[in-house]
Amino acid sequence: MNRICMRQMSKGQAGQVARVTASGELGRRIRDMGLVPGATIQIQGHAPLRDPVAIKIMDFTLTLRNNEADFIFVEVT
């Protein structure tokens, strides 16, 4: 599988979270939202200026700013 930064994913693309590189408060917040290694995600779309990005994780939609998505690496299926 190909591992890429979440920010680079296209609408409709899916994969599993491989790694979260953020540390401290930001890293804790990202993990608290369910973005942990092994979690399955799908990109729902991007705002017109590509920030933020909407993702589907579990049964809900979550939006992340690009500076937060830069810390999340995904193995694309």
PDB file of N, CA and C in Angstrom:
ATOM      1  N   MET A   1       0.835  -1.193   0.000  1.00  0.00           N
ATOM      2  CA  MET A   1       0.000   0.000   0.000  1.00  0.00           C
ATOM      3  C   MET A   1       0.873   1.247   0.000  1.00  0.00           C
ATOM      4  N   ASN A   2       0.303   2.305  -0.461  1.00  0.00           N
ATOM      5  CA  ASN A   2       1.012   3.572  -0.574  1.00  0.00           C
ATOM      6  C   ASN A   2       0.694   4.447   0.633  1.00  0.00           C
ATOM      7  N   ARG A   3       1.699   4.969   1.319  1.00  0.00           N
ATOM      8  CA  ARG A   3       1.497   5.823   2.482  1.00  0.00           C
ATOM      9  C   ARG A   3       1.677   7.284   2.083  1.00  0.00           C
ATOM     10  N   ILE A   4       0.625   8.094   2.304  1.00  0.00           N
ATOM     11  CA  ILE A   4       0.682   9.510   1.969  1.00  0.00           C
ATOM     12  C   ILE A   4       0.118  10.337   3.114  1.00  0.00           C
ATOM     13  N   CYS A   5       0.379  11.620   3.070  1.00  0.00           N
ATOM     14  CA  CYS A   5      -0.163  12.569   4.037  1.00  0.00           C
ATOM     15  C   CYS A   5      -1.654  12.749   3.741  1.00  0.00           C
ATOM     16  N   MET A   6      -2.473  12.837   4.774  1.00  0.00           N
ATOM     17  CA  MET A   6      -3.917  12.990   4.584  1.00  0.00           C
ATOM     18  C   MET A   6      -4.255  14.193   3.715  1.00  0.00           C
ATOM     19  N   ARG A   7      -3.487  15.237   3.815  1.00  0.00           N
ATOM     20  CA  ARG A   7      -3.738  16.458   3.050  1.00  0.00           C
ATOM     21  C   ARG A   7      -3.694  16.205   1.537  1.00  0.00           C
ATOM     22  N   GLN A   8      -2.948  15.213   1.100  1.00  0.00           N
ATOM     23  CA  GLN A   8      -2.777  14.922  -0.318  1.00  0.00           C
ATOM     24  C   GLN A   8      -3.856  14.009  -0.886  1.00  0.00           C
ATOM     25  N   MET A   9      -4.745  13.511  -0.048  1.00  0.00           N
ATOM     26  CA  MET A   9      -5.779  12.586  -0.511  1.00  0.00           C
ATOM     27  C   MET A   9      -6.868  13.324  -1.285  1.00  0.00           C
ATOM     28  N   SER A  10      -7.470  12.619  -2.225  1.00  0.00           N
ATOM     29  CA  SER A  10      -8.535  13.169  -3.064  1.00  0.00           C
ATOM     30  C   SER A  10      -9.904  12.776  -2.525  1.00  0.00           C
ATOM     31  N   LYS A  11     -10.919  13.492  -2.979  1.00  0.00           N
ATOM     32  CA  LYS A  11     -12.292  13.189  -2.573  1.00  0.00           C
ATOM     33  C   LYS A  11     -12.643  11.757  -2.956  1.00  0.00           C
ATOM     34  N   GLY A  12     -13.215  11.029  -2.012  1.00  0.00           N
ATOM     35  CA  GLY A  12     -13.610   9.646  -2.232  1.00  0.00           C
ATOM     36  C   GLY A  12     -12.526   8.632  -1.927  1.00  0.00           C
ATOM     37  N   GLN A  13     -11.298   9.078  -1.771  1.00  0.00           N
ATOM     38  CA  GLN A  13     -10.194   8.176  -1.490  1.00  0.00           C
ATOM     39  C   GLN A  13     -10.290   7.685  -0.046  1.00  0.00           C
ATOM     40  N   ALA A  14      -9.947   6.412   0.175  1.00  0.00           N
ATOM     41  CA  ALA A  14     -10.052   5.814   1.500  1.00  0.00           C
ATOM     42  C   ALA A  14      -8.737   5.161   1.901  1.00  0.00           C
ATOM     43  N   GLY A  15      -8.605   4.902   3.174  1.00  0.00           N
ATOM     44  CA  GLY A  15      -7.415   4.239   3.677  1.00  0.00           C
ATOM     45  C   GLY A  15      -7.461   4.084   5.183  1.00  0.00           C
ATOM     46  N   GLN A  16      -6.347   3.605   5.727  1.00  0.00           N
ATOM     47  CA  GLN A  16      -6.222   3.422   7.169  1.00  0.00           C
ATOM     48  C   GLN A  16      -5.134   4.340   7.699  1.00  0.00           C
ATOM     49  N   VAL A  17      -5.409   4.929   8.847  1.00  0.00           N
ATOM     50  CA  VAL A  17      -4.413   5.786   9.484  1.00  0.00           C
ATOM     51  C   VAL A  17      -3.209   4.917   9.824  1.00  0.00           C
ATOM     52  N   ALA A  18      -2.039   5.327   9.368  1.00  0.00           N
ATOM     53  CA  ALA A  18      -0.815   4.579   9.613  1.00  0.00           C
ATOM     54  C   ALA A  18      -0.017   5.184  10.760  1.00  0.00           C
ATOM     55  N   ARG A  19      -0.029   6.529  10.835  1.00  0.00           N
ATOM     56  CA  ARG A  19       0.826   7.186  11.822  1.00  0.00           C
ATOM     57  C   ARG A  19       0.343   8.607  12.060  1.00  0.00           C
ATOM     58  N   VAL A  20       0.397   9.033  13.309  1.00  0.00           N
ATOM     59  CA  VAL A  20       0.114  10.423  13.683  1.00  0.00           C
ATOM     60  C   VAL A  20       1.407  10.971  14.274  1.00  0.00           C
ATOM     61  N   THR A  21       1.982  11.980  13.613  1.00  0.00           N
ATOM     62  CA  THR A  21       3.288  12.486  14.031  1.00  0.00           C
ATOM     63  C   THR A  21       3.206  13.672  14.979  1.00  0.00           C
ATOM     64  N   ALA A  22       2.012  14.183  15.215  1.00  0.00           N
ATOM     65  CA  ALA A  22       1.855  15.333  16.119  1.00  0.00           C
ATOM     66  C   ALA A  22       2.131  14.892  17.549  1.00  0.00           C
ATOM     67  N   SER A  23       2.683  15.793  18.317  1.00  0.00           N
ATOM     68  CA  SER A  23       2.940  15.505  19.727  1.00  0.00           C
ATOM     69  C   SER A  23       2.257  16.564  20.583  1.00  0.00           C
ATOM     70  N   GLY A  24       2.326  16.378  21.863  1.00  0.00           N
ATOM     71  CA  GLY A  24       1.770  17.360  22.788  1.00  0.00           C
ATOM     72  C   GLY A  24       0.261  17.447  22.699  1.00  0.00           C
ATOM     73  N   GLU A  25      -0.257  18.637  22.943  1.00  0.00           N
ATOM     74  CA  GLU A  25      -1.695  18.881  22.968  1.00  0.00           C
ATOM     75  C   GLU A  25      -2.368  18.564  21.640  1.00  0.00           C
ATOM     76  N   LEU A  26      -1.755  18.960  20.523  1.00  0.00           N
ATOM     77  CA  LEU A  26      -2.336  18.694  19.212  1.00  0.00           C
ATOM     78  C   LEU A  26      -2.419  17.191  18.953  1.00  0.00           C
ATOM     79  N   GLY A  27      -1.370  16.467  19.255  1.00  0.00           N
ATOM     80  CA  GLY A  27      -1.377  15.014  19.065  1.00  0.00           C
ATOM     81  C   GLY A  27      -2.448  14.336  19.898  1.00  0.00           C
ATOM     82  N   ARG A  28      -2.612  14.778  21.132  1.00  0.00           N
ATOM     83  CA  ARG A  28      -3.637  14.210  22.003  1.00  0.00           C
ATOM     84  C   ARG A  28      -5.024  14.492  21.449  1.00  0.00           C
ATOM     85  N   ARG A  29      -5.243  15.720  20.969  1.00  0.00           N
ATOM     86  CA  ARG A  29      -6.542  16.101  20.432  1.00  0.00           C
ATOM     87  C   ARG A  29      -6.890  15.293  19.179  1.00  0.00           C
ATOM     88  N   ILE A  30      -5.908  15.098  18.303  1.00  0.00           N
ATOM     89  CA  ILE A  30      -6.130  14.309  17.087  1.00  0.00           C
ATOM     90  C   ILE A  30      -6.501  12.873  17.455  1.00  0.00           C
ATOM     91  N   ARG A  31      -5.792  12.299  18.395  1.00  0.00           N
ATOM     92  CA  ARG A  31      -6.078  10.915  18.807  1.00  0.00           C
ATOM     93  C   ARG A  31      -7.425  10.815  19.518  1.00  0.00           C
ATOM     94  N   ASP A  32      -7.778  11.832  20.296  1.00  0.00           N
ATOM     95  CA  ASP A  32      -9.080  11.840  20.980  1.00  0.00           C
ATOM     96  C   ASP A  32     -10.239  11.859  19.991  1.00  0.00           C
ATOM     97  N   MET A  33     -10.029  12.396  18.793  1.00  0.00           N
ATOM     98  CA  MET A  33     -11.070  12.433  17.770  1.00  0.00           C
ATOM     99  C   MET A  33     -11.215  11.092  17.054  1.00  0.00           C
ATOM    100  N   GLY A  34     -10.402  10.100  17.408  1.00  0.00           N
ATOM    101  CA  GLY A  34     -10.498   8.772  16.813  1.00  0.00           C
ATOM    102  C   GLY A  34      -9.503   8.504  15.711  1.00  0.00           C
ATOM    103  N   LEU A  35      -8.630   9.465  15.427  1.00  0.00           N
ATOM    104  CA  LEU A  35      -7.628   9.288  14.381  1.00  0.00           C
ATOM    105  C   LEU A  35      -6.390   8.616  14.973  1.00  0.00           C
ATOM    106  N   VAL A  36      -6.517   7.311  15.143  1.00  0.00           N
ATOM    107  CA  VAL A  36      -5.446   6.502  15.712  1.00  0.00           C
ATOM    108  C   VAL A  36      -5.007   5.486  14.658  1.00  0.00           C
ATOM    109  N   PRO A  37      -3.786   4.976  14.749  1.00  0.00           N
ATOM    110  CA  PRO A  37      -3.340   3.979  13.779  1.00  0.00           C
ATOM    111  C   PRO A  37      -4.325   2.813  13.686  1.00  0.00           C
ATOM    112  N   GLY A  38      -4.676   2.468  12.446  1.00  0.00           N
ATOM    113  CA  GLY A  38      -5.622   1.389  12.194  1.00  0.00           C
ATOM    114  C   GLY A  38      -7.035   1.860  11.891  1.00  0.00           C
ATOM    115  N   ALA A  39      -7.359   3.110  12.213  1.00  0.00           N
ATOM    116  CA  ALA A  39      -8.704   3.632  11.951  1.00  0.00           C
ATOM    117  C   ALA A  39      -8.909   3.813  10.450  1.00  0.00           C
ATOM    118  N   THR A  40     -10.060   3.393   9.949  1.00  0.00           N
ATOM    119  CA  THR A  40     -10.395   3.530   8.533  1.00  0.00           C
ATOM    120  C   THR A  40     -11.060   4.883   8.303  1.00  0.00           C
ATOM    121  N   ILE A  41     -10.588   5.595   7.276  1.00  0.00           N
ATOM    122  CA  ILE A  41     -11.139   6.911   6.952  1.00  0.00           C
ATOM    123  C   ILE A  41     -11.454   6.990   5.466  1.00  0.00           C
ATOM    124  N   GLN A  42     -12.307   7.941   5.105  1.00  0.00           N
ATOM    125  CA  GLN A  42     -12.580   8.250   3.705  1.00  0.00           C
ATOM    126  C   GLN A  42     -12.738   9.753   3.579  1.00  0.00           C
ATOM    127  N   ILE A  43     -12.127  10.324   2.554  1.00  0.00           N
ATOM    128  CA  ILE A  43     -12.224  11.762   2.326  1.00  0.00           C
ATOM    129  C   ILE A  43     -13.600  12.076   1.742  1.00  0.00           C
ATOM    130  N   GLN A  44     -14.342  12.945   2.411  1.00  0.00           N
ATOM    131  CA  GLN A  44     -15.674  13.344   1.964  1.00  0.00           C
ATOM    132  C   GLN A  44     -15.603  14.547   1.027  1.00  0.00           C
ATOM    133  N   GLY A  45     -14.608  15.397   1.221  1.00  0.00           N
ATOM    134  CA  GLY A  45     -14.460  16.554   0.356  1.00  0.00           C
ATOM    135  C   GLY A  45     -13.570  17.615   0.962  1.00  0.00           C
ATOM    136  N   HIS A  46     -13.298  18.632   0.164  1.00  0.00           N
ATOM    137  CA  HIS A  46     -12.479  19.765   0.570  1.00  0.00           C
ATOM    138  C   HIS A  46     -13.295  21.035   0.402  1.00  0.00           C
ATOM    139  N   ALA A  47     -13.015  22.023   1.209  1.00  0.00           N
ATOM    140  CA  ALA A  47     -13.633  23.333   1.037  1.00  0.00           C
ATOM    141  C   ALA A  47     -13.103  23.941  -0.269  1.00  0.00           C
ATOM    142  N   PRO A  48     -13.750  24.976  -0.788  1.00  0.00           N
ATOM    143  CA  PRO A  48     -13.316  25.561  -2.069  1.00  0.00           C
ATOM    144  C   PRO A  48     -11.835  25.952  -2.130  1.00  0.00           C
ATOM    145  N   LEU A  49     -11.267  26.392  -1.033  1.00  0.00           N
ATOM    146  CA  LEU A  49      -9.848  26.750  -1.041  1.00  0.00           C
ATOM    147  C   LEU A  49      -8.977  25.625  -0.482  1.00  0.00           C
ATOM    148  N   ARG A  50      -9.538  24.387  -0.476  1.00  0.00           N
ATOM    149  CA  ARG A  50      -8.847  23.169  -0.032  1.00  0.00           C
ATOM    150  C   ARG A  50      -8.587  23.126   1.470  1.00  0.00           C
ATOM    151  N   ASP A  51      -9.177  24.008   2.246  1.00  0.00           N
ATOM    152  CA  ASP A  51      -8.987  23.994   3.696  1.00  0.00           C
ATOM    153  C   ASP A  51     -10.291  24.418   4.348  1.00  0.00           C
ATOM    154  N   PRO A  52     -10.924  23.627   5.147  1.00  0.00           N
ATOM    155  CA  PRO A  52     -10.522  22.340   5.726  1.00  0.00           C
ATOM    156  C   PRO A  52     -10.899  21.152   4.832  1.00  0.00           C
ATOM    157  N   VAL A  53     -10.551  19.981   5.326  1.00  0.00           N
ATOM    158  CA  VAL A  53     -10.881  18.725   4.660  1.00  0.00           C
ATOM    159  C   VAL A  53     -11.893  17.991   5.544  1.00  0.00           C
ATOM    160  N   ALA A  54     -12.908  17.408   4.909  1.00  0.00           N
ATOM    161  CA  ALA A  54     -13.922  16.637   5.635  1.00  0.00           C
ATOM    162  C   ALA A  54     -13.650  15.153   5.426  1.00  0.00           C
ATOM    163  N   ILE A  55     -13.623  14.406   6.519  1.00  0.00           N
ATOM    164  CA  ILE A  55     -13.374  12.971   6.440  1.00  0.00           C
ATOM    165  C   ILE A  55     -14.487  12.218   7.154  1.00  0.00           C
ATOM    166  N   LYS A  56     -14.713  10.995   6.697  1.00  0.00           N
ATOM    167  CA  LYS A  56     -15.663  10.116   7.373  1.00  0.00           C
ATOM    168  C   LYS A  56     -14.842   9.106   8.154  1.00  0.00           C
ATOM    169  N   ILE A  57     -15.093   9.037   9.449  1.00  0.00           N
ATOM    170  CA  ILE A  57     -14.433   8.086  10.326  1.00  0.00           C
ATOM    171  C   ILE A  57     -15.500   7.503  11.229  1.00  0.00           C
ATOM    172  N   MET A  58     -15.507   6.185  11.312  1.00  0.00           N
ATOM    173  CA  MET A  58     -16.578   5.466  12.012  1.00  0.00           C
ATOM    174  C   MET A  58     -17.908   5.884  11.387  1.00  0.00           C
ATOM    175  N   ASP A  59     -18.834   6.395  12.148  1.00  0.00           N
ATOM    176  CA  ASP A  59     -20.128   6.786  11.587  1.00  0.00           C
ATOM    177  C   ASP A  59     -20.356   8.281  11.632  1.00  0.00           C
ATOM    178  N   PHE A  60     -19.287   9.076  11.632  1.00  0.00           N
ATOM    179  CA  PHE A  60     -19.469  10.522  11.670  1.00  0.00           C
ATOM    180  C   PHE A  60     -18.506  11.223  10.729  1.00  0.00           C
ATOM    181  N   THR A  61     -18.820  12.478  10.433  1.00  0.00           N
ATOM    182  CA  THR A  61     -17.971  13.304   9.580  1.00  0.00           C
ATOM    183  C   THR A  61     -17.190  14.260  10.456  1.00  0.00           C
ATOM    184  N   LEU A  62     -15.906  14.370  10.187  1.00  0.00           N
ATOM    185  CA  LEU A  62     -14.994  15.200  10.953  1.00  0.00           C
ATOM    186  C   LEU A  62     -14.282  16.136   9.985  1.00  0.00           C
ATOM    187  N   THR A  63     -14.110  17.385  10.367  1.00  0.00           N
ATOM    188  CA  THR A  63     -13.340  18.313   9.531  1.00  0.00           C
ATOM    189  C   THR A  63     -12.057  18.679  10.249  1.00  0.00           C
ATOM    190  N   LEU A  64     -10.994  18.742   9.473  1.00  0.00           N
ATOM    191  CA  LEU A  64      -9.667  19.092   9.990  1.00  0.00           C
ATOM    192  C   LEU A  64      -9.065  20.192   9.140  1.00  0.00           C
ATOM    193  N   ARG A  65      -8.354  21.077   9.769  1.00  0.00           N
ATOM    194  CA  ARG A  65      -7.574  22.064   9.023  1.00  0.00           C
ATOM    195  C   ARG A  65      -6.392  21.355   8.378  1.00  0.00           C
ATOM    196  N   ASN A  66      -5.886  21.942   7.313  1.00  0.00           N
ATOM    197  CA  ASN A  66      -4.742  21.332   6.626  1.00  0.00           C
ATOM    198  C   ASN A  66      -3.523  21.233   7.530  1.00  0.00           C
ATOM    199  N   ASN A  67      -3.314  22.218   8.402  1.00  0.00           N
ATOM    200  CA  ASN A  67      -2.141  22.133   9.281  1.00  0.00           C
ATOM    201  C   ASN A  67      -2.277  20.989  10.284  1.00  0.00           C
ATOM    202  N   GLU A  68      -3.493  20.534  10.568  1.00  0.00           N
ATOM    203  CA  GLU A  68      -3.693  19.355  11.419  1.00  0.00           C
ATOM    204  C   GLU A  68      -3.549  18.078  10.587  1.00  0.00           C
ATOM    205  N   ALA A  69      -4.077  18.092   9.364  1.00  0.00           N
ATOM    206  CA  ALA A  69      -4.011  16.920   8.484  1.00  0.00           C
ATOM    207  C   ALA A  69      -2.576  16.603   8.077  1.00  0.00           C
ATOM    208  N   ASP A  70      -1.685  17.579   8.117  1.00  0.00           N
ATOM    209  CA  ASP A  70      -0.279  17.360   7.762  1.00  0.00           C
ATOM    210  C   ASP A  70       0.412  16.363   8.694  1.00  0.00           C
ATOM    211  N   PHE A  71      -0.110  16.177   9.893  1.00  0.00           N
ATOM    212  CA  PHE A  71       0.496  15.275  10.877  1.00  0.00           C
ATOM    213  C   PHE A  71      -0.025  13.843  10.786  1.00  0.00           C
ATOM    214  N   ILE A  72      -0.963  13.592   9.864  1.00  0.00           N
ATOM    215  CA  ILE A  72      -1.604  12.284   9.779  1.00  0.00           C
ATOM    216  C   ILE A  72      -1.203  11.618   8.463  1.00  0.00           C
ATOM    217  N   PHE A  73      -0.632  10.430   8.573  1.00  0.00           N
ATOM    218  CA  PHE A  73      -0.226   9.657   7.401  1.00  0.00           C
ATOM    219  C   PHE A  73      -1.134   8.457   7.246  1.00  0.00           C
ATOM    220  N   VAL A  74      -1.560   8.210   5.999  1.00  0.00           N
ATOM    221  CA  VAL A  74      -2.568   7.200   5.715  1.00  0.00           C
ATOM    222  C   VAL A  74      -2.034   6.199   4.687  1.00  0.00           C
ATOM    223  N   GLU A  75      -2.339   4.922   4.908  1.00  0.00           N
ATOM    224  CA  GLU A  75      -2.045   3.900   3.913  1.00  0.00           C
ATOM    225  C   GLU A  75      -3.278   3.803   3.030  1.00  0.00           C
ATOM    226  N   VAL A  76      -3.146   4.265   1.792  1.00  0.00           N
ATOM    227  CA  VAL A  76      -4.265   4.351   0.857  1.00  0.00           C
ATOM    228  C   VAL A  76      -4.553   2.981   0.268  1.00  0.00           C
ATOM    229  N   THR A  77      -5.849   2.640   0.213  1.00  0.00           N
ATOM    230  CA  THR A  77      -6.241   1.347  -0.359  1.00  0.00           C
ATOM    231  C   THR A  77      -6.630   1.506  -1.813  1.00  0.00           C
TER     232      THR A  77
END
